[in-house]
Amino acid sequence: MSREREPQSFAVPGAKPAMTVAPQREPRALSGRDLERIEEAEIDVFDGVDTEAPPPALPRRRRGLRLGRIFAGAFGLLVSFAVGLWAERVITDLFARSEALGFVGIGLAAIAALALVAILIREGLALARLQSVTRLRTECERVLRDGRLVEARSFVDRLKAHLAARPETAAGRAHLDALRDDVMDGPDLVRLAETELVAPLDAEAKRLILDAAKRVSVVTAVSPRALVDVAYILFESGRLIRWLAELYGARPGTLGYFRLVRNVLAHLAVTGVMAVGDEFVHQVVGQGLAARLSAKLGEGVVNGVMTVRVGLAAMEVVRPLPFHAVKRPGVADFIASLASFATRRGRETSPPQQ
């Protein structure tokens, strides 16, 4: 038998030389002298690193089934079964008493079922209108970023269709139709559409907000109970949110209204506009005016300012376009009118001097 030989390596002609892997060294701490040498050599530790690149996106957490949704679905099905069994039992009892009453019960059940279907369709359309506002805002940002004229024209057509029911936009729609064949930049066309279509609605929205703030300031200034103040502020704020949604073409149903209120509250929480107190009175009204107002009138002005903030938040949520060509309204735009209104009301309600 031949003797076993040791394994050997052979060089292949034309092959690239194998890369040798340097042995890894153990990590060690830098001394003060090492740091001084790095500073003298002006070594940048970020060489080779793209510092302008955006940070990597965090991995999205996968959401499983939520217990709340499972409970709501199961409870809804249980209630539906209970209502169906109750209706079947009632109709059976009616037939047992009289055949005519049984047919009347079937007819009433059919009418109730049709009404329920109509309500569901209406709520679905209302939610679709709210979703269309979100899509328009997102698409507007994309069109302004890309700058393509074809996409801008398509976007403006959808915006005109969304606001076609508002008579305030008739002149703007006619002006945009006359300029349809003109050559212009895509972003300029979107800004022109904002000026022609949405700006008239903004003026009406500011009028609605100011009127609601005046009503709140008057009612809370004369009401004897704080509970009445809170109830009226909630009522006026809820009505203002619905009016603004209808103004911008996002008329909500019942479910859509609750969703809209949730979005407005979330916007208020994010922007941090729920500050109240005496310092807030002096900040927004002015020390001179606050000194001339009574305590109740000052409280009414603060409540009116809070209503203005709620209205501005609702305006941000239901407006189909973000503010670009039109200046975003702020509380300062309403302070002068609200303060002069409060001063005038204070003079009218104050007793005449002897």
Protein backbone atom coordinates (compact mmCIF):
# COMPACT_ATOMS: atom_id res chain seq x y z
CA MET A 1 0.00 0.00 0.00
CA SER A 2 1.18 3.52 -0.84
CA ARG A 3 2.02 5.89 1.93
CA GLU A 4 -0.54 8.65 2.57
CA ARG A 5 0.74 12.08 1.56
CA GLU A 6 -0.01 15.42 3.09
CA PRO A 7 -2.60 17.70 1.30
CA GLN A 8 -1.01 20.32 -0.90
CA SER A 9 -2.27 23.47 -2.64
CA PHE A 10 -1.82 24.17 -6.35
CA ALA A 11 -1.93 27.51 -8.16
CA VAL A 12 -4.48 27.62 -11.00
CA PRO A 13 -3.29 29.61 -14.02
CA GLY A 14 -5.31 32.79 -14.60
CA ALA A 15 -7.03 32.71 -11.19
CA LYS A 16 -7.05 35.76 -8.94
CA PRO A 17 -4.96 35.49 -5.83
CA ALA A 18 -6.93 34.69 -2.75
CA MET A 19 -7.51 37.54 -0.37
CA THR A 20 -5.94 37.10 2.97
CA VAL A 21 -8.11 37.96 5.93
CA ALA A 22 -6.28 39.96 8.52
CA PRO A 23 -6.63 38.57 12.00
CA GLN A 24 -9.06 40.54 14.12
CA ARG A 25 -7.54 42.36 17.02
CA GLU A 26 -9.06 42.71 20.41
CA PRO A 27 -10.76 46.06 21.11
CA ARG A 28 -8.80 48.38 23.32
CA ALA A 29 -9.37 51.80 24.84
CA LEU A 30 -7.60 54.83 23.42
CA SER A 31 -5.18 56.64 25.67
CA GLY A 32 -4.79 60.38 25.91
CA ARG A 33 -1.69 60.23 23.70
CA ASP A 34 -3.65 58.39 21.01
CA LEU A 35 -6.31 61.06 21.05
CA GLU A 36 -3.69 63.77 20.71
CA ARG A 37 -2.19 62.02 17.66
CA ILE A 38 -5.65 61.78 16.08
CA GLU A 39 -6.22 65.51 16.65
CA GLU A 40 -2.79 66.43 15.24
CA ALA A 41 -3.39 64.32 12.14
CA GLU A 42 -6.90 65.86 11.74
CA ILE A 43 -8.46 62.47 11.30
CA ASP A 44 -12.21 62.59 10.75
CA VAL A 45 -13.85 59.56 12.31
CA PHE A 46 -16.82 60.04 9.97
CA ASP A 47 -14.76 59.62 6.78
CA GLY A 48 -16.51 57.19 4.49
CA VAL A 49 -19.85 57.62 6.25
CA ASP A 50 -22.67 59.35 4.37
CA THR A 51 -23.86 61.77 7.02
CA GLU A 52 -26.45 63.34 4.72
CA ALA A 53 -28.24 60.08 4.03
CA PRO A 54 -31.60 59.72 5.78
CA PRO A 55 -31.62 57.41 8.78
CA PRO A 56 -32.89 53.90 8.10
CA ALA A 57 -36.58 53.44 8.71
CA LEU A 58 -37.53 51.61 11.82
CA PRO A 59 -39.04 48.20 11.24
CA ARG A 60 -42.81 48.35 11.37
CA ARG A 61 -44.30 46.40 14.18
CA ARG A 62 -46.72 43.82 12.92
CA ARG A 63 -50.11 44.29 14.46
CA GLY A 64 -52.09 41.24 15.29
CA LEU A 65 -55.73 40.96 16.06
CA ARG A 66 -56.87 43.55 18.55
CA LEU A 67 -59.00 42.37 21.44
CA GLY A 68 -61.19 45.45 21.14
CA ARG A 69 -62.07 44.69 17.53
CA ILE A 70 -62.76 41.06 18.34
CA PHE A 71 -65.04 42.07 21.18
CA ALA A 72 -66.87 44.69 19.06
CA GLY A 73 -67.39 42.24 16.19
CA ALA A 74 -68.62 39.40 18.42
CA PHE A 75 -70.88 41.69 20.44
CA GLY A 76 -72.31 43.22 17.26
CA LEU A 77 -73.14 39.81 15.84
CA LEU A 78 -74.74 38.78 19.13
CA VAL A 79 -76.91 41.90 19.18
CA SER A 80 -77.89 41.29 15.54
CA PHE A 81 -78.97 37.73 16.36
CA ALA A 82 -80.93 38.97 19.38
CA VAL A 83 -82.74 41.61 17.33
CA GLY A 84 -83.53 39.08 14.60
CA LEU A 85 -84.93 36.55 17.08
CA TRP A 86 -86.94 39.28 18.81
CA ALA A 87 -88.43 40.45 15.47
CA GLU A 88 -89.23 36.85 14.46
CA ARG A 89 -90.97 36.23 17.79
CA VAL A 90 -92.99 39.45 17.53
CA ILE A 91 -94.13 38.68 13.97
CA THR A 92 -95.09 35.13 15.02
CA ASP A 93 -97.15 36.48 17.90
CA LEU A 94 -98.85 38.95 15.56
CA PHE A 95 -99.77 36.16 13.15
CA ALA A 96 -101.12 34.15 16.10
CA ARG A 97 -103.44 37.03 16.99
CA SER A 98 -104.41 38.05 13.48
CA GLU A 99 -103.17 37.41 9.98
CA ALA A 100 -103.52 41.09 9.10
CA LEU A 101 -101.37 42.11 12.09
CA GLY A 102 -98.75 39.58 10.96
CA PHE A 103 -98.49 41.13 7.51
CA VAL A 104 -98.31 44.60 9.08
CA GLY A 105 -95.41 43.37 11.23
CA ILE A 106 -93.61 41.96 8.16
CA GLY A 107 -94.07 45.28 6.36
CA LEU A 108 -92.70 47.26 9.31
CA ALA A 109 -89.72 44.91 9.57
CA ALA A 110 -89.02 45.32 5.84
CA ILE A 111 -89.21 49.12 6.15
CA ALA A 112 -86.82 49.05 9.12
CA ALA A 113 -84.39 46.83 7.19
CA LEU A 114 -84.47 49.16 4.16
CA ALA A 115 -83.95 52.18 6.41
CA LEU A 116 -80.97 50.46 8.05
CA VAL A 117 -79.45 49.73 4.64
CA ALA A 118 -79.94 53.37 3.62
CA ILE A 119 -78.29 54.55 6.84
CA LEU A 120 -75.32 52.27 6.27
CA ILE A 121 -74.96 53.52 2.68
CA ARG A 122 -75.14 57.14 3.85
CA GLU A 123 -72.52 56.55 6.54
CA GLY A 124 -70.28 54.80 4.03
CA LEU A 125 -70.53 57.75 1.63
CA ALA A 126 -69.78 60.18 4.45
CA LEU A 127 -66.67 58.22 5.43
CA ALA A 128 -65.65 58.15 1.75
CA ARG A 129 -65.94 61.95 1.60
CA LEU A 130 -63.67 62.31 4.62
CA GLN A 131 -61.22 59.88 3.07
CA SER A 132 -61.28 61.86 -0.18
CA VAL A 133 -60.13 64.95 1.72
CA THR A 134 -57.15 63.01 3.07
CA ARG A 135 -56.32 61.72 -0.41
CA LEU A 136 -56.51 65.21 -1.90
CA ARG A 137 -54.11 66.59 0.70
CA THR A 138 -51.65 63.76 0.12
CA GLU A 139 -51.86 64.06 -3.65
CA CYS A 140 -51.40 67.83 -3.45
CA GLU A 141 -48.10 67.39 -1.65
CA ARG A 142 -46.98 64.85 -4.23
CA VAL A 143 -47.93 67.07 -7.18
CA LEU A 144 -46.14 70.06 -5.68
CA ARG A 145 -43.06 67.91 -5.16
CA ASP A 146 -43.01 66.30 -8.62
CA GLY A 147 -44.11 69.36 -10.60
CA ARG A 148 -45.70 67.49 -13.54
CA LEU A 149 -48.31 69.48 -15.43
CA VAL A 150 -50.41 66.45 -16.46
CA GLU A 151 -50.75 65.28 -12.87
CA ALA A 152 -51.49 68.82 -11.73
CA ARG A 153 -54.34 69.16 -14.23
CA SER A 154 -55.79 65.82 -13.16
CA PHE A 155 -55.55 66.86 -9.52
CA VAL A 156 -57.25 70.21 -10.18
CA ASP A 157 -60.09 68.41 -11.99
CA ARG A 158 -60.66 66.18 -8.96
CA LEU A 159 -60.56 69.21 -6.68
CA LYS A 160 -63.17 70.99 -8.81
CA ALA A 161 -65.40 67.91 -8.69
CA HIS A 162 -65.01 67.77 -4.91
CA LEU A 163 -66.05 71.42 -4.49
CA ALA A 164 -68.60 71.55 -7.31
CA ALA A 165 -71.54 71.73 -4.88
CA ARG A 166 -70.29 74.96 -3.27
CA PRO A 167 -71.57 78.13 -5.00
CA GLU A 168 -68.59 80.10 -3.65
CA THR A 169 -66.31 78.20 -6.05
CA ALA A 170 -68.31 78.88 -9.24
CA ALA A 171 -66.22 81.88 -10.33
CA GLY A 172 -62.97 80.08 -9.56
CA ARG A 173 -64.02 76.99 -11.52
CA ALA A 174 -64.91 79.14 -14.52
CA HIS A 175 -61.56 80.93 -14.32
CA LEU A 176 -59.65 77.63 -14.17
CA ASP A 177 -61.63 76.28 -17.13
CA ALA A 178 -60.66 79.36 -19.16
CA LEU A 179 -56.97 78.80 -18.34
CA ARG A 180 -57.00 75.06 -18.97
CA ASP A 181 -55.14 75.20 -22.30
CA ASP A 182 -52.54 77.67 -21.06
CA VAL A 183 -49.03 76.38 -20.49
CA MET A 184 -47.90 76.79 -16.89
CA ASP A 185 -45.99 75.02 -14.19
CA GLY A 186 -47.70 72.17 -12.36
CA PRO A 187 -47.12 73.65 -8.88
CA ASP A 188 -48.28 77.08 -10.12
CA LEU A 189 -51.53 75.51 -11.36
CA VAL A 190 -52.12 73.90 -7.96
CA ARG A 191 -51.45 77.19 -6.16
CA LEU A 192 -53.79 78.98 -8.55
CA ALA A 193 -56.47 76.39 -7.80
CA GLU A 194 -55.98 76.98 -4.09
CA THR A 195 -56.38 80.72 -4.57
CA GLU A 196 -59.43 80.46 -6.84
CA LEU A 197 -61.30 77.55 -5.23
CA VAL A 198 -60.31 77.25 -1.59
CA ALA A 199 -59.59 80.87 -0.63
CA PRO A 200 -63.30 81.92 -0.87
CA LEU A 201 -64.18 79.01 1.39
CA ASP A 202 -61.45 80.10 3.81
CA ALA A 203 -63.07 83.52 4.12
CA GLU A 204 -66.43 81.93 4.92
CA ALA A 205 -64.78 79.54 7.38
CA LYS A 206 -63.15 82.43 9.25
CA ARG A 207 -66.52 84.17 9.46
CA LEU A 208 -68.11 81.04 10.92
CA ILE A 209 -65.29 80.68 13.46
CA LEU A 210 -65.52 84.32 14.54
CA ASP A 211 -69.33 84.17 14.91
CA ALA A 212 -69.08 81.01 17.02
CA ALA A 213 -66.40 82.61 19.20
CA LYS A 214 -68.57 85.69 19.74
CA ARG A 215 -71.56 83.56 20.77
CA VAL A 216 -69.42 81.57 23.18
CA SER A 217 -67.93 84.71 24.73
CA VAL A 218 -71.37 86.25 25.28
CA VAL A 219 -73.10 83.16 26.66
CA THR A 220 -70.26 82.20 29.00
CA ALA A 221 -70.00 85.79 30.23
CA VAL A 222 -73.65 85.90 31.36
CA SER A 223 -74.17 82.26 32.41
CA PRO A 224 -74.30 81.74 36.20
CA ARG A 225 -72.85 78.21 36.27
CA ALA A 226 -69.58 76.77 35.05
CA LEU A 227 -71.40 73.62 33.97
CA VAL A 228 -73.50 75.71 31.59
CA ASP A 229 -70.31 77.23 30.18
CA VAL A 230 -68.77 73.82 29.50
CA ALA A 231 -71.96 72.44 27.96
CA TYR A 232 -72.40 75.42 25.63
CA ILE A 233 -68.73 75.43 24.59
CA LEU A 234 -68.97 71.74 23.69
CA PHE A 235 -72.21 72.31 21.80
CA GLU A 236 -70.88 75.30 19.85
CA SER A 237 -67.56 73.60 19.09
CA GLY A 238 -69.29 70.46 17.83
CA ARG A 239 -71.63 72.48 15.64
CA LEU A 240 -68.72 74.52 14.29
CA ILE A 241 -66.81 71.36 13.34
CA ARG A 242 -69.81 70.05 11.41
CA TRP A 243 -70.36 73.39 9.63
CA LEU A 244 -66.71 73.60 8.55
CA ALA A 245 -66.79 70.02 7.26
CA GLU A 246 -69.89 70.78 5.17
CA LEU A 247 -68.30 74.01 3.91
CA TYR A 248 -65.23 72.19 2.52
CA GLY A 249 -67.26 69.41 0.92
CA ALA A 250 -66.63 66.74 3.59
CA ARG A 251 -70.15 66.54 5.04
CA PRO A 252 -69.90 63.83 7.74
CA GLY A 253 -72.50 61.37 8.93
CA THR A 254 -72.79 60.13 12.49
CA LEU A 255 -69.79 57.81 12.40
CA GLY A 256 -67.84 60.25 10.25
CA TYR A 257 -68.60 63.05 12.71
CA PHE A 258 -67.10 61.12 15.63
CA ARG A 259 -64.06 60.32 13.52
CA LEU A 260 -63.76 63.98 12.56
CA VAL A 261 -63.97 65.09 16.20
CA ARG A 262 -61.26 62.58 17.09
CA ASN A 263 -59.00 63.99 14.35
CA VAL A 264 -59.59 67.55 15.54
CA LEU A 265 -58.75 66.63 19.14
CA ALA A 266 -55.63 64.84 17.94
CA HIS A 267 -54.61 67.97 16.01
CA LEU A 268 -55.17 70.10 19.10
CA ALA A 269 -53.09 67.72 21.19
CA VAL A 270 -50.24 67.74 18.67
CA THR A 271 -50.14 71.52 18.25
CA GLY A 272 -50.48 72.12 22.00
CA VAL A 273 -53.14 74.79 21.95
CA MET A 274 -55.08 73.94 25.08
CA ALA A 275 -53.48 76.55 27.34
CA VAL A 276 -55.81 78.61 29.52
CA GLY A 277 -55.40 80.86 32.52
CA ASP A 278 -54.90 84.47 33.52
CA GLU A 279 -51.52 84.73 31.78
CA PHE A 280 -53.16 83.48 28.60
CA VAL A 281 -55.79 86.25 28.92
CA HIS A 282 -53.10 88.91 29.18
CA GLN A 283 -51.14 87.39 26.33
CA VAL A 284 -53.92 87.22 23.75
CA VAL A 285 -56.10 90.12 24.86
CA GLY A 286 -53.59 92.59 26.20
CA GLN A 287 -53.16 93.98 29.67
CA GLY A 288 -54.93 97.23 28.87
CA LEU A 289 -58.06 95.53 27.59
CA ALA A 290 -57.99 92.89 30.34
CA ALA A 291 -57.90 95.66 32.92
CA ARG A 292 -61.02 97.27 31.43
CA LEU A 293 -62.95 93.99 31.24
CA SER A 294 -64.74 92.42 34.15
CA ALA A 295 -63.84 88.95 35.35
CA LYS A 296 -66.79 87.34 33.56
CA LEU A 297 -66.09 89.18 30.31
CA GLY A 298 -62.45 88.16 30.51
CA GLU A 299 -63.50 84.56 31.00
CA GLY A 300 -65.84 84.88 28.04
CA VAL A 301 -63.00 86.17 25.87
CA VAL A 302 -60.81 83.23 26.88
CA ASN A 303 -63.60 80.79 26.02
CA GLY A 304 -64.06 82.55 22.70
CA VAL A 305 -60.34 82.21 21.95
CA MET A 306 -60.51 78.51 22.75
CA THR A 307 -63.42 78.18 20.31
CA VAL A 308 -61.27 79.92 17.69
CA ARG A 309 -58.53 77.37 18.28
CA VAL A 310 -60.95 74.49 17.89
CA GLY A 311 -62.24 76.03 14.66
CA LEU A 312 -58.74 76.49 13.27
CA ALA A 313 -57.88 72.88 14.09
CA ALA A 314 -61.05 71.70 12.35
CA MET A 315 -60.19 73.91 9.39
CA GLU A 316 -56.79 72.23 9.12
CA VAL A 317 -58.39 68.78 9.20
CA VAL A 318 -61.25 69.26 6.70
CA ARG A 319 -59.52 71.63 4.25
CA PRO A 320 -58.87 69.69 1.02
CA LEU A 321 -55.51 71.43 0.44
CA PRO A 322 -52.70 72.31 2.84
CA PHE A 323 -51.81 75.97 3.12
CA HIS A 324 -49.31 76.97 0.42
CA ALA A 325 -50.53 79.89 -1.68
CA VAL A 326 -52.83 81.20 1.05
CA LYS A 327 -51.58 82.34 4.44
CA ARG A 328 -52.53 80.02 7.29
CA PRO A 329 -54.89 81.86 9.67
CA GLY A 330 -53.94 82.11 13.32
CA VAL A 331 -55.53 83.18 16.57
CA ALA A 332 -54.02 86.64 16.17
CA ASP A 333 -56.25 87.21 13.13
CA PHE A 334 -59.35 86.95 15.35
CA ILE A 335 -58.12 88.69 18.49
CA ALA A 336 -58.85 92.25 17.36
CA SER A 337 -62.45 91.51 16.31
CA LEU A 338 -63.14 89.39 19.39
CA ALA A 339 -61.61 91.94 21.76
CA SER A 340 -63.52 94.87 20.24
CA PHE A 341 -66.71 92.83 20.42
CA ALA A 342 -66.09 92.04 24.11
CA THR A 343 -65.32 95.70 24.87
CA ARG A 344 -68.49 96.85 23.14
CA ARG A 345 -70.56 94.28 25.01
CA GLY A 346 -68.95 95.37 28.27
CA ARG A 347 -69.91 98.98 27.66
CA GLU A 348 -73.46 98.02 26.77
CA THR A 349 -73.96 95.85 29.85
CA SER A 350 -72.19 98.12 32.33
CA PRO A 351 -74.49 100.40 34.40
CA PRO A 352 -74.40 104.12 33.47
CA GLN A 353 -72.33 106.32 35.71
CA GLN A 354 -74.17 108.88 37.78
